[in-house]
Amino acid sequence: MDIQKLNKEFENRTRLGIMSTLMVTDWLSFKSLKDLLNATDGNLASHIKGLENKEYIEVKKEFINRKPNTSYRVTQLGRIEFTKHIELLEKLIKGI
């Protein structure tokens, strides 16, 4: 198995956490992601921006009760690439 095929965009544990969480939810707010991953605002924002730049996640900005709310979800491309990454990890672990 070629370990070089693993997607470097998902190697960081925060990015792995973002993608894993968003794969099983529809839209999730910045605050919810921050709380779930126990991340700082700046750290989470930089990782989200990296995933957004690769078009693996999309952002929705809206106002709820006059307060700004930013939410995220996985794009189709993100779903495909993350699934490939996880499948390669599973093969690596199983020694296939």
Protein backbone atom coordinates (compact mmCIF):
# COMPACT_ATOMS: atom_id res chain seq x y z
CA MET A 1 0.00 0.00 0.00
CA ASP A 2 1.29 3.43 -0.92
CA ILE A 3 1.13 5.69 2.16
CA GLN A 4 1.76 8.68 -0.12
CA LYS A 5 -1.84 8.38 -1.37
CA LEU A 6 -3.18 9.56 2.00
CA ASN A 7 -4.66 13.06 1.74
CA LYS A 8 -2.41 15.50 3.61
CA GLU A 9 -5.37 17.85 4.14
CA PHE A 10 -6.76 15.38 6.70
CA GLU A 11 -3.57 14.55 8.61
CA ASN A 12 -4.09 17.14 11.34
CA ARG A 13 -6.29 15.91 14.20
CA THR A 14 -8.40 19.08 14.15
CA ARG A 15 -9.13 18.67 10.45
CA LEU A 16 -9.81 14.98 10.98
CA GLY A 17 -12.25 15.95 13.74
CA ILE A 18 -13.94 18.61 11.61
CA MET A 19 -14.46 16.22 8.72
CA SER A 20 -15.52 13.29 10.91
CA THR A 21 -18.11 15.44 12.66
CA LEU A 22 -19.45 17.05 9.50
CA MET A 23 -19.72 13.69 7.72
CA VAL A 24 -22.49 12.65 10.11
CA THR A 25 -24.38 15.95 10.40
CA ASP A 26 -26.04 18.30 7.96
CA TRP A 27 -25.04 21.82 9.05
CA LEU A 28 -23.06 22.49 12.22
CA SER A 29 -22.27 25.87 13.74
CA PHE A 30 -18.79 27.18 14.45
CA LYS A 31 -19.56 27.19 18.17
CA SER A 32 -20.74 23.58 18.11
CA LEU A 33 -17.61 22.48 16.25
CA LYS A 34 -15.45 24.47 18.64
CA ASP A 35 -17.10 22.84 21.67
CA LEU A 36 -17.03 19.31 20.21
CA LEU A 37 -13.37 19.53 19.23
CA ASN A 38 -12.24 21.56 22.24
CA ALA A 39 -10.48 23.97 19.87
CA THR A 40 -9.65 27.64 20.13
CA ASP A 41 -11.35 30.14 17.81
CA GLY A 42 -8.18 30.88 15.87
CA ASN A 43 -7.08 27.27 15.50
CA LEU A 44 -10.50 26.11 14.35
CA ALA A 45 -10.92 29.05 11.97
CA SER A 46 -7.58 28.40 10.26
CA HIS A 47 -8.34 24.70 9.74
CA ILE A 48 -11.84 25.46 8.49
CA LYS A 49 -10.40 27.99 6.03
CA GLY A 50 -7.95 25.40 4.71
CA LEU A 51 -10.73 22.86 4.15
CA GLU A 52 -12.95 25.53 2.63
CA ASN A 53 -10.16 26.58 0.22
CA LYS A 54 -9.92 22.97 -0.97
CA GLU A 55 -13.73 22.98 -1.38
CA TYR A 56 -14.11 20.11 1.09
CA ILE A 57 -16.55 22.09 3.24
CA GLU A 58 -18.96 24.91 2.55
CA VAL A 59 -19.99 27.81 4.74
CA LYS A 60 -23.36 29.38 5.42
CA LYS A 61 -23.57 32.75 7.17
CA GLU A 62 -26.92 33.91 8.51
CA PHE A 63 -28.52 35.81 11.35
CA ILE A 64 -30.51 33.99 14.02
CA ASN A 65 -32.38 36.31 16.38
CA ARG A 66 -30.25 39.18 15.08
CA LYS A 67 -27.04 37.37 15.96
CA PRO A 68 -24.58 36.21 13.31
CA ASN A 69 -24.31 32.44 12.93
CA THR A 70 -21.81 30.61 10.76
CA SER A 71 -22.42 26.96 9.90
CA TYR A 72 -20.55 24.37 7.88
CA ARG A 73 -21.19 21.16 6.02
CA VAL A 74 -19.19 18.75 3.88
CA THR A 75 -19.35 19.20 0.12
CA GLN A 76 -19.72 16.29 -2.27
CA LEU A 77 -16.01 16.58 -3.12
CA GLY A 78 -15.15 16.62 0.60
CA ARG A 79 -17.26 13.52 1.18
CA ILE A 80 -15.53 11.65 -1.66
CA GLU A 81 -12.00 12.67 -0.65
CA PHE A 82 -12.52 12.01 3.06
CA THR A 83 -14.04 8.60 2.35
CA LYS A 84 -11.02 7.70 0.19
CA HIS A 85 -8.70 8.84 2.99
CA ILE A 86 -10.49 6.73 5.61
CA GLU A 87 -10.56 3.70 3.33
CA LEU A 88 -6.80 4.00 2.76
CA LEU A 89 -6.22 4.27 6.52
CA GLU A 90 -8.31 1.15 7.09
CA LYS A 91 -6.29 -0.77 4.48
CA LEU A 92 -3.07 0.43 6.08
CA ILE A 93 -4.22 -0.72 9.52
CA LYS A 94 -5.34 -4.10 8.18
CA GLY A 95 -2.12 -4.52 6.21
CA ILE A 96 -3.90 -4.91 2.89
